[in-house]
Protein backbone atom coordinates (compact mmCIF):
# COMPACT_ATOMS: atom_id res chain seq x y z
CA MET A 1 0.52 0.28 0.15
CA MET A 2 2.75 2.19 0.79
CA LEU A 3 4.12 1.81 -2.78
CA VAL A 4 0.93 2.65 -3.85
CA TYR A 5 1.12 6.17 -2.23
CA ILE A 6 4.44 7.00 -3.52
CA VAL A 7 3.53 6.25 -6.97
CA LEU A 8 0.24 8.29 -6.62
CA PHE A 9 2.17 10.59 -5.08
CA ILE A 10 4.95 11.06 -7.68
CA ILE A 11 2.23 11.20 -10.35
CA SER A 12 0.47 14.02 -8.72
CA THR A 13 3.56 15.97 -8.43
CA TYR A 14 4.24 15.34 -11.93
CA LEU A 15 1.02 16.50 -13.15
CA GLY A 16 0.72 18.96 -10.76
CA MET A 17 4.05 20.80 -12.28
CA GLU A 18 2.51 19.91 -16.00
CA THR A 19 0.13 21.89 -14.93
CA ALA A 20 2.28 24.43 -13.48
CA CYS A 21 3.70 25.03 -16.58
CA ALA A 22 0.62 25.27 -18.69
CA GLU A 23 -0.74 27.46 -16.45
CA SER A 24 2.69 29.90 -16.27
CA GLY A 25 2.01 33.09 -17.35
CA VAL A 26 4.01 35.42 -19.57
CA ALA A 27 5.16 38.28 -17.98
CA VAL A 28 4.86 41.74 -20.29
CA TRP A 29 6.61 45.15 -20.07
CA LEU A 30 6.28 47.86 -22.58
CA SER A 31 7.23 51.30 -23.41
CA THR A 32 6.23 53.21 -26.57
CA GLN A 33 7.21 56.33 -28.35
CA ASP A 34 4.75 58.94 -27.15
CA GLY A 35 5.73 58.61 -24.10
CA ASN A 36 2.36 56.54 -22.55
CA LYS A 37 4.09 54.02 -21.55
CA GLN A 38 7.84 53.63 -20.22
CA LEU A 39 8.91 50.46 -19.48
CA SER A 40 5.48 49.73 -17.81
CA PRO A 41 4.30 46.11 -16.72
CA GLU A 42 1.68 44.89 -18.12
CA PRO A 43 -1.24 42.49 -17.88
CA SER A 44 0.54 38.95 -18.09
CA LEU A 45 -0.24 36.57 -21.07
CA LYS A 46 -1.04 32.75 -20.99
CA MET A 47 0.30 30.08 -22.28
CA GLU A 48 -1.78 27.81 -24.34
CA PRO A 49 -1.77 24.61 -26.58
CA LEU A 50 -0.86 25.21 -30.38
CA ARG A 51 -3.79 26.23 -32.50
CA LYS A 52 -4.16 28.15 -35.99
CA VAL A 53 -4.38 31.19 -35.20
CA GLU A 54 -4.78 34.16 -38.75
CA ALA A 55 -1.68 36.37 -37.41
CA PRO A 56 2.05 36.25 -37.94
CA VAL A 57 3.78 33.85 -36.09
CA VAL A 58 7.01 34.18 -34.23
CA VAL A 59 8.82 31.24 -33.15
CA VAL A 60 11.20 31.06 -30.46
CA GLU A 61 13.14 27.53 -30.65
CA PRO A 62 15.39 26.87 -27.19
CA ALA A 63 17.20 24.06 -29.62
CA VAL A 64 18.70 25.73 -31.59
CA ASP A 65 21.23 28.64 -30.24
CA TYR A 66 23.56 31.30 -30.73
CA GLN A 67 26.24 33.71 -28.94
CA SER A 68 26.22 34.01 -25.07
CA ILE A 69 25.93 37.50 -24.52
CA LEU A 70 28.84 39.44 -21.99
CA GLY A 71 27.12 42.92 -21.60
CA LEU A 72 24.72 45.80 -22.48
CA GLY A 73 25.27 49.69 -21.77
CA SER A 74 27.03 52.67 -23.17
CA SER A 75 29.34 54.99 -22.51
CA TRP A 76 30.66 56.98 -19.41
CA GLU A 77 32.68 59.43 -21.14
CA HIS A 78 33.57 62.67 -20.00
CA ALA A 79 31.24 64.38 -21.29
CA THR A 80 28.86 62.28 -19.59
CA CYS A 81 30.73 62.17 -16.43
CA GLU A 82 31.34 66.39 -16.85
CA ASN A 83 27.41 66.67 -16.63
CA LEU A 84 26.71 64.55 -13.90
CA PHE A 85 29.17 66.74 -11.97
CA LYS A 86 27.29 69.54 -12.55
CA LEU A 87 24.26 67.89 -10.83
CA PRO A 88 24.09 67.86 -6.80
CA GLU A 89 25.25 65.04 -5.23
CA ASP A 90 22.12 63.44 -4.89
CA ALA A 91 20.81 64.18 -7.84
CA ARG A 92 23.95 62.88 -9.38
CA ASN A 93 23.91 59.43 -7.59
CA GLU A 94 20.33 58.91 -8.59
CA VAL A 95 21.03 59.21 -12.66
CA ILE A 96 24.23 56.49 -12.02
CA ARG A 97 21.81 54.49 -10.34
CA LYS A 98 19.02 54.75 -12.90
CA VAL A 99 21.41 53.53 -15.01
CA VAL A 100 23.07 50.65 -14.07
CA HIS A 101 21.51 49.41 -11.00
CA PRO A 102 19.81 46.09 -11.89
CA GLU A 103 16.49 46.90 -10.07
CA ASP A 104 16.63 50.52 -9.55
CA GLY A 105 18.07 51.15 -13.12
CA ILE A 106 18.05 49.54 -16.55
CA ALA A 107 20.70 47.69 -15.47
CA MET A 108 23.43 48.68 -18.07
CA ASN A 109 25.91 45.94 -16.85
CA LEU A 110 29.18 46.92 -19.66
CA MET A 111 30.08 50.64 -20.52
CA ARG A 112 32.59 52.06 -22.62
CA ILE A 113 35.59 54.98 -21.38
CA CYS A 114 38.13 56.52 -22.63
CA ILE A 115 41.86 56.50 -22.17
CA GLY A 116 42.73 59.92 -22.32
CA SER A 117 40.00 62.08 -23.72
CA SER A 118 38.10 61.53 -26.84
CA ASP A 119 36.04 64.53 -28.63
CA PHE A 120 33.16 64.39 -26.70
CA ILE A 121 35.00 66.35 -23.46
CA GLY A 122 34.44 69.81 -22.43
CA GLU A 123 38.32 70.84 -21.41
CA GLU A 124 40.88 70.31 -23.38
CA TYR A 125 42.44 66.84 -24.85
CA TYR A 126 45.18 64.83 -22.73
CA THR A 127 46.88 61.98 -22.84
CA TYR A 128 48.18 60.52 -19.69
CA CYS A 129 51.75 61.61 -20.82
CA ASP A 130 51.91 65.33 -22.77
CA LEU A 131 54.86 67.18 -23.10
CA PRO A 132 56.23 69.69 -24.30
CA GLU A 133 57.03 70.32 -27.77
CA GLY A 134 60.41 68.35 -29.04
CA GLU A 135 60.28 66.11 -25.40
CA THR A 136 59.80 62.77 -25.22
CA ASP A 137 59.60 60.64 -22.14
CA GLU A 138 59.95 56.68 -23.46
CA ALA A 139 60.57 55.25 -19.68
CA LEU A 140 56.63 56.83 -19.13
CA GLU A 141 58.09 58.84 -15.66
CA LYS A 142 55.70 61.38 -16.45
CA PHE A 143 52.65 58.73 -17.02
CA SER A 144 49.88 59.51 -15.01
CA ILE A 145 45.80 58.90 -14.80
CA GLU A 146 45.37 62.09 -11.99
CA LYS A 147 43.14 64.24 -14.52
CA ASP A 148 40.86 60.81 -15.01
CA ARG A 149 40.18 61.82 -10.89
CA ALA A 150 38.11 64.92 -11.52
CA TYR A 151 34.81 62.94 -12.45
CA LEU A 152 35.63 60.12 -14.53
CA ILE A 153 36.68 58.02 -12.00
CA PRO A 154 34.36 59.06 -9.46
CA VAL A 155 31.48 58.24 -11.33
CA LEU A 156 33.16 54.94 -12.24
CA LYS A 157 33.35 53.89 -8.57
CA LYS A 158 29.84 54.88 -7.48
CA SER A 159 28.99 53.00 -11.19
CA LEU A 160 30.52 49.90 -9.14
CA GLU A 161 28.95 50.63 -5.81
CA TYR A 162 25.58 50.32 -7.64
CA ASN A 163 26.11 47.37 -9.70
CA PRO A 164 29.32 45.37 -8.35
CA ASP A 165 28.85 43.26 -11.68
CA LEU A 166 29.35 46.37 -14.04
CA LEU A 167 32.51 45.36 -16.54
CA PHE A 168 34.47 48.47 -18.05
CA PHE A 169 36.26 48.22 -21.48
CA ALA A 170 38.63 51.21 -22.25
CA SER A 171 39.55 52.67 -26.20
CA PRO A 172 42.64 54.99 -26.67
CA TRP A 173 41.50 58.09 -29.37
CA SER A 174 45.65 58.85 -29.62
CA PRO A 175 48.96 57.91 -28.18
CA PRO A 176 50.66 60.87 -26.75
CA ALA A 177 51.62 63.56 -29.49
CA TRP A 178 54.79 63.23 -28.85
CA MET A 179 54.88 59.29 -30.03
CA LYS A 180 52.99 60.45 -33.58
CA THR A 181 54.01 61.12 -37.04
CA ASN A 182 52.98 64.29 -36.94
CA GLY A 183 53.43 65.35 -33.47
CA ALA A 184 49.52 66.34 -32.70
CA LEU A 185 46.58 64.45 -30.96
CA GLY A 186 44.58 64.94 -34.21
CA GLY A 187 45.59 62.64 -36.97
CA GLY A 188 48.72 61.26 -38.14
CA LYS A 189 50.22 57.66 -36.92
CA LEU A 190 52.08 55.89 -34.11
CA LYS A 191 55.53 56.30 -34.58
CA PRO A 192 56.92 52.32 -35.78
CA GLN A 193 60.25 52.97 -32.93
CA TYR A 194 57.32 53.61 -30.11
CA TYR A 195 55.07 50.68 -30.78
CA GLY A 196 56.38 49.48 -27.87
CA VAL A 197 56.36 52.38 -25.57
CA TRP A 198 52.55 52.71 -26.30
CA ALA A 199 52.51 48.99 -25.19
CA ARG A 200 53.99 50.19 -21.81
CA TYR A 201 51.37 53.14 -22.16
CA LEU A 202 48.51 50.49 -22.40
CA LEU A 203 50.36 48.33 -19.72
CA LYS A 204 50.21 51.65 -17.10
CA TYR A 205 46.60 52.34 -18.12
CA VAL A 206 44.82 48.62 -16.95
CA GLN A 207 47.61 48.32 -13.78
CA ALA A 208 46.75 52.24 -12.96
CA TYR A 209 43.23 51.43 -13.02
CA GLU A 210 43.39 48.24 -11.49
CA ALA A 211 45.00 49.71 -8.33
CA GLU A 212 41.59 51.99 -7.94
CA GLY A 213 39.63 49.18 -7.88
CA ILE A 214 38.67 49.42 -11.17
CA PRO A 215 39.35 46.31 -13.95
CA ILE A 216 39.30 46.46 -17.59
CA HIS A 217 37.87 43.88 -18.89
CA ALA A 218 38.83 44.55 -22.33
CA ILE A 219 40.89 47.61 -24.54
CA THR A 220 40.81 48.06 -28.20
CA VAL A 221 44.38 49.37 -29.54
CA GLN A 222 42.57 52.19 -31.27
CA ASN A 223 39.18 54.00 -31.36
CA GLU A 224 38.29 54.23 -34.98
CA PRO A 225 41.78 53.42 -36.24
CA ASN A 226 40.25 54.45 -40.13
CA MET A 227 39.21 58.45 -39.15
CA ILE A 228 41.68 60.51 -39.27
CA HIS A 229 40.73 64.24 -38.13
CA MET A 230 43.02 66.84 -37.36
CA ASP A 231 40.79 69.09 -34.82
CA TYR A 232 40.13 66.19 -32.16
CA PRO A 233 42.32 62.98 -31.00
CA THR A 234 42.03 60.86 -34.44
CA THR A 235 45.49 58.07 -35.25
CA LEU A 236 45.19 56.24 -38.20
CA TRP A 237 46.31 52.44 -38.60
CA SER A 238 46.17 49.47 -41.17
CA GLY A 239 45.30 46.13 -40.30
CA GLU A 240 48.50 45.20 -40.79
CA MET A 241 49.95 47.76 -38.48
CA GLN A 242 47.45 46.34 -35.82
CA ARG A 243 48.28 42.82 -36.71
CA ASP A 244 52.08 43.67 -35.56
CA PHE A 245 51.43 45.52 -33.27
CA ILE A 246 49.34 43.34 -31.28
CA ARG A 247 51.65 40.16 -32.32
CA ASP A 248 54.99 41.54 -30.97
CA HIS A 249 54.30 43.94 -28.67
CA LEU A 250 51.20 44.49 -26.57
CA GLY A 251 49.61 40.75 -26.75
CA PRO A 252 52.92 39.54 -25.17
CA LEU A 253 53.80 42.48 -23.30
CA PHE A 254 50.24 41.50 -21.48
CA ARG A 255 51.21 37.98 -21.23
CA GLU A 256 54.61 38.33 -19.42
CA HIS A 257 52.80 40.71 -16.63
CA GLY A 258 49.99 38.19 -16.48
CA ILE A 259 46.87 40.98 -17.23
CA LYS A 260 44.12 39.30 -17.97
CA THR A 261 42.58 42.21 -19.84
CA LEU A 262 41.17 41.23 -23.81
CA ILE A 263 42.17 42.57 -26.97
CA TRP A 264 39.87 43.52 -29.09
CA CYS A 265 40.49 44.50 -32.90
CA TRP A 266 38.93 46.83 -35.35
CA ASP A 267 36.62 49.03 -33.07
CA HIS A 268 34.92 50.46 -36.28
CA ASN A 269 32.14 50.71 -39.04
CA TRP A 270 31.05 47.52 -40.78
CA ASN A 271 32.51 48.38 -43.99
CA ASN A 272 35.73 47.81 -43.91
CA LEU A 273 36.53 43.65 -42.85
CA ASP A 274 40.25 44.11 -44.51
CA PHE A 275 41.45 45.13 -41.35
CA PRO A 276 39.93 42.61 -38.98
CA ARG A 277 41.29 40.06 -41.33
CA ALA A 278 44.58 41.11 -41.31
CA VAL A 279 44.79 41.12 -38.04
CA LEU A 280 42.74 37.95 -36.77
CA GLY A 281 44.42 35.65 -40.39
CA ASP A 282 47.45 35.98 -38.78
CA PRO A 283 47.71 32.78 -35.80
CA GLN A 284 50.18 34.45 -33.65
CA ALA A 285 48.54 37.48 -33.66
CA ALA A 286 45.08 35.97 -33.36
CA GLN A 287 46.31 34.40 -30.49
CA TYR A 288 45.81 37.47 -28.74
CA VAL A 289 42.79 38.76 -29.83
CA ASP A 290 39.51 37.93 -28.48
CA GLY A 291 37.44 38.92 -30.90
CA THR A 292 36.39 42.46 -33.05
CA GLY A 293 34.53 45.39 -32.00
CA PHE A 294 32.40 47.49 -34.37
CA HIS A 295 30.44 50.52 -34.84
CA LEU A 296 27.75 51.21 -37.18
CA TYR A 297 27.85 54.41 -39.07
CA GLU A 298 28.96 52.60 -42.32
CA GLY A 299 28.34 49.62 -44.14
CA SER A 300 25.46 46.83 -43.20
CA VAL A 301 24.99 45.14 -40.11
CA GLU A 302 25.23 41.58 -42.03
CA ALA A 303 29.14 42.26 -41.70
CA GLN A 304 28.98 40.73 -38.11
CA SER A 305 27.89 37.39 -39.32
CA GLN A 306 30.16 37.66 -41.97
CA ILE A 307 33.24 37.89 -39.84
CA LYS A 308 32.32 35.67 -37.27
CA GLU A 309 31.78 32.57 -40.16
CA GLU A 310 35.15 33.10 -41.20
CA PHE A 311 36.89 33.47 -37.91
CA PRO A 312 34.05 30.94 -35.54
CA ASP A 313 36.73 31.12 -32.91
CA LYS A 314 36.49 34.80 -32.16
CA HIS A 315 33.97 36.61 -30.80
CA VAL A 316 31.64 40.06 -32.37
CA TYR A 317 31.02 43.12 -30.09
CA PHE A 318 29.08 45.79 -30.89
CA THR A 319 31.54 48.66 -29.44
CA GLU A 320 29.86 52.15 -30.40
CA GLY A 321 27.07 53.73 -31.93
CA SER A 322 23.23 54.76 -30.50
CA VAL A 323 20.44 54.21 -31.42
CA PHE A 324 17.02 55.84 -31.51
CA ARG A 325 13.63 55.42 -31.02
CA THR A 326 11.71 52.82 -32.38
CA ASN A 327 13.44 51.78 -35.33
CA GLY A 328 16.31 51.89 -33.32
CA ALA A 329 15.51 49.15 -31.74
CA VAL A 330 14.74 47.38 -34.75
CA LYS A 331 18.53 48.34 -35.91
CA LEU A 332 19.28 47.02 -31.83
CA ILE A 333 17.86 43.52 -32.40
CA ALA A 334 19.33 43.07 -35.82
CA ILE A 335 22.92 43.64 -34.38
CA LEU A 336 22.21 40.73 -31.91
CA ARG A 337 21.04 38.42 -34.25
CA ASN A 338 24.14 38.86 -36.34
CA TRP A 339 26.69 37.49 -33.74
CA ALA A 340 27.18 40.23 -31.19
CA ARG A 341 27.87 39.33 -27.57
CA SER A 342 27.41 43.18 -26.84
CA TYR A 343 25.67 46.49 -27.58
CA ASN A 344 27.28 49.71 -26.34
CA ALA A 345 25.41 52.97 -26.77
CA TRP A 346 27.86 56.13 -27.56
CA VAL A 347 27.53 59.81 -25.22
CA THR A 348 24.82 58.58 -21.84
CA MET A 349 24.33 62.34 -21.04
CA LEU A 350 25.09 65.81 -23.12
CA ASP A 351 22.89 69.12 -22.33
CA GLU A 352 19.60 70.17 -23.77
CA HIS A 353 22.45 72.12 -26.30
CA ARG A 354 24.11 68.58 -27.21
CA LYS A 355 27.85 69.46 -24.93
CA PRO A 356 29.78 69.26 -24.03
CA ASN A 357 31.16 68.08 -27.58
CA ARG A 358 34.38 69.60 -28.52
CA GLY A 359 34.61 67.39 -31.76
CA PRO A 360 33.49 68.45 -35.50
CA HIS A 361 30.62 65.39 -35.45
CA HIS A 362 27.03 66.46 -34.39
CA ALA A 363 25.45 64.98 -31.70
CA SER A 364 21.92 64.07 -31.33
CA ALA A 365 19.96 64.13 -28.24
CA THR A 366 21.21 61.57 -25.97
CA CYS A 367 19.19 59.07 -23.66
CA ILE A 368 19.30 60.72 -20.73
CA GLU A 369 19.52 64.77 -20.98
CA LEU A 370 20.28 67.35 -18.55
CA LYS A 371 18.48 71.02 -19.18
CA ASP A 372 19.80 74.13 -17.99
CA ASP A 373 17.53 74.11 -14.47
CA LEU A 374 19.86 70.94 -13.79
CA SER A 375 16.89 68.97 -13.93
CA VAL A 376 17.15 65.60 -15.99
CA GLU A 377 15.10 64.10 -18.53
CA TYR A 378 14.90 60.36 -19.16
CA ARG A 379 13.96 59.87 -22.94
CA TYR A 380 12.02 57.57 -24.45
CA ASP A 381 15.37 55.79 -25.91
CA TYR A 382 16.20 54.94 -22.14
CA TYR A 383 13.35 53.47 -21.78
CA MET A 384 13.53 51.48 -24.90
CA TYR A 385 16.97 50.49 -23.71
CA GLY A 386 15.54 49.28 -21.14
CA GLN A 387 13.44 46.82 -22.90
CA PHE A 388 16.77 45.19 -23.47
CA MET A 389 19.43 45.60 -20.95
CA LYS A 390 16.79 44.86 -17.97
CA PHE A 391 16.16 41.96 -18.89
CA ILE A 392 18.75 40.29 -21.18
CA LYS A 393 21.65 38.93 -18.56
CA ARG A 394 24.62 38.49 -19.09
CA GLY A 395 25.29 34.63 -20.22
CA ALA A 396 22.50 34.67 -22.06
CA VAL A 397 22.43 32.88 -24.91
CA ARG A 398 20.49 33.89 -28.44
CA LEU A 399 17.53 31.42 -29.39
CA GLU A 400 16.60 31.05 -32.99
CA THR A 401 14.06 33.69 -33.33
CA ALA A 402 11.81 32.96 -36.79
CA HIS A 403 9.72 35.26 -38.22
CA LEU A 404 7.78 37.31 -40.75
CA GLY A 405 9.87 40.42 -39.94
CA ASN A 406 10.44 43.56 -42.24
CA ARG A 407 12.05 46.79 -41.62
CA SER A 408 9.27 47.69 -39.12
CA PHE A 409 9.41 44.75 -37.45
CA ALA A 410 11.61 42.64 -34.98
CA ALA A 411 12.48 40.21 -32.94
CA VAL A 412 15.09 38.25 -30.72
CA ALA A 413 14.90 35.97 -28.00
CA PHE A 414 17.46 34.80 -25.10
CA ARG A 415 17.75 31.97 -22.56
CA ASN A 416 19.12 33.71 -19.55
CA PRO A 417 21.07 31.78 -16.94
CA ASP A 418 18.41 30.92 -14.77
CA GLY A 419 16.29 29.34 -18.02
CA ALA A 420 13.64 32.00 -18.59
CA ILE A 421 13.14 33.24 -22.29
CA VAL A 422 13.65 36.70 -22.64
CA LEU A 423 11.61 37.92 -26.07
CA VAL A 424 11.72 41.35 -27.27
CA VAL A 425 9.67 42.94 -30.16
CA ALA A 426 10.14 46.17 -32.30
CA ASN A 427 7.04 47.59 -34.20
CA ALA A 428 8.10 51.12 -35.74
CA GLY A 429 5.27 50.57 -38.11
CA ARG A 430 2.72 53.17 -37.10
CA GLU A 431 -0.33 51.07 -36.78
CA ASP A 432 -0.74 48.43 -34.25
CA ARG A 433 0.61 45.13 -34.98
CA SER A 434 -1.07 41.38 -33.81
CA PHE A 435 0.96 38.65 -33.41
CA VAL A 436 1.19 35.13 -32.21
CA VAL A 437 4.49 33.66 -30.24
CA GLN A 438 5.13 30.02 -30.69
CA CYS A 439 7.74 27.99 -28.43
CA LEU A 440 8.00 24.39 -27.77
CA GLY A 441 4.12 23.80 -28.32
CA ARG A 442 2.50 25.74 -26.43
CA MET A 443 1.57 29.92 -27.18
CA PHE A 444 0.19 33.23 -27.14
CA GLN A 445 -0.82 35.57 -28.72
CA THR A 446 -0.58 39.75 -28.19
CA GLU A 447 -0.82 42.86 -29.74
CA LEU A 448 1.80 45.38 -29.99
CA PRO A 449 1.24 49.17 -30.37
CA GLY A 450 2.64 51.09 -33.60
CA ASN A 451 6.21 52.59 -32.44
CA ALA A 452 6.68 50.69 -29.71
CA VAL A 453 9.02 47.82 -28.05
CA ALA A 454 7.77 45.07 -25.54
CA THR A 455 9.55 42.52 -23.76
CA TYR A 456 8.01 39.20 -22.59
CA VAL A 457 9.24 36.16 -19.95
CA TRP A 458 8.27 33.63 -19.33
CA THR A 459 9.90 30.16 -18.45
CA PRO A 460 8.94 27.12 -20.69
């Protein structure tokens, strides 16, 4: 008789689990471009058995997976940090919290920072070893990150308080002028005789930040190495030059000193795959390179998949490029569907005049905006980013997601480390869009307003 009770208990428990799975709901969050919904929780949806429905279908296939996610975020560059320090301390900390905190914010967990200054800065451009014209310092005795203490380092440290799992990757815009062929931060190339010095400069940067309690997860060798402009820090590299620098100098130096910081090559647009090919095609250089960074300003996103196909053992990262409004969400989905392990917007908070910005490039309104009266506006893009960043966790794996998408409708799905499935859908069309989601023999039906992004989370 006891055996019968045990068998009945096992059966009832199994059936109870099946019933719980069958009745488990789909949690929904919604942001609309008109501002009526801002990461707003919506009524949960019910999973039900598959049935024939006259509506477009999004099929999520958990058995087929792709890349894992390292992180999603933006940048703590000088312009954003300078604007943060115009705020009273409590208000400043509130903004930082709303950017990186996993619960109280939108959970950005990978932030890009600058090695020296970029064009988005209010003060004079600088590196960590600037010298009077005609002087050199091959021993790097005058190397110092002191200028970063004004507002950059405090923002990074406060960010780590709010999100200890936050990672940083760093990019230089220029070596010190005395290392360059034209003796200026704008334009020119790194002199070959200073390859070893520049490698030690990057080593000292990583070590100095580590000493501040700010580990650098990865660096890129050069921001936008095909960009030459005399009016802000830029430096020209060819793929062959970067190959030689990594192979003969930076890679061996990091290994010699036990540096765990990863090296990412390229860090520029989708339109020049010959550059990363030159680096990754050399086995001696490639052994030191974790992956390739991309920007979105030229070319097409399919370049990411192409480089992944050619070098399947190397990762793809998206290192710079803000996207805007719901059309931007569609673009972000495409970036993730093309093997990117990361996404980083560029510049998190400018003021309402799009400042500070010393460089020549036009700036769009940022996802967070500082007003003249020192109030802070969280624009639609902040919430749009949150539809991805708050729910797609580090270590999430992208799943096969088939849908009848077009230029205004897109979807991408992930399986989080806890097993939950996250589906982000963007409808950049004007009309509401009804559709069905199918997964593992079950389905739910829903409607997404025009110019809106929704996130659906369920446990299969």
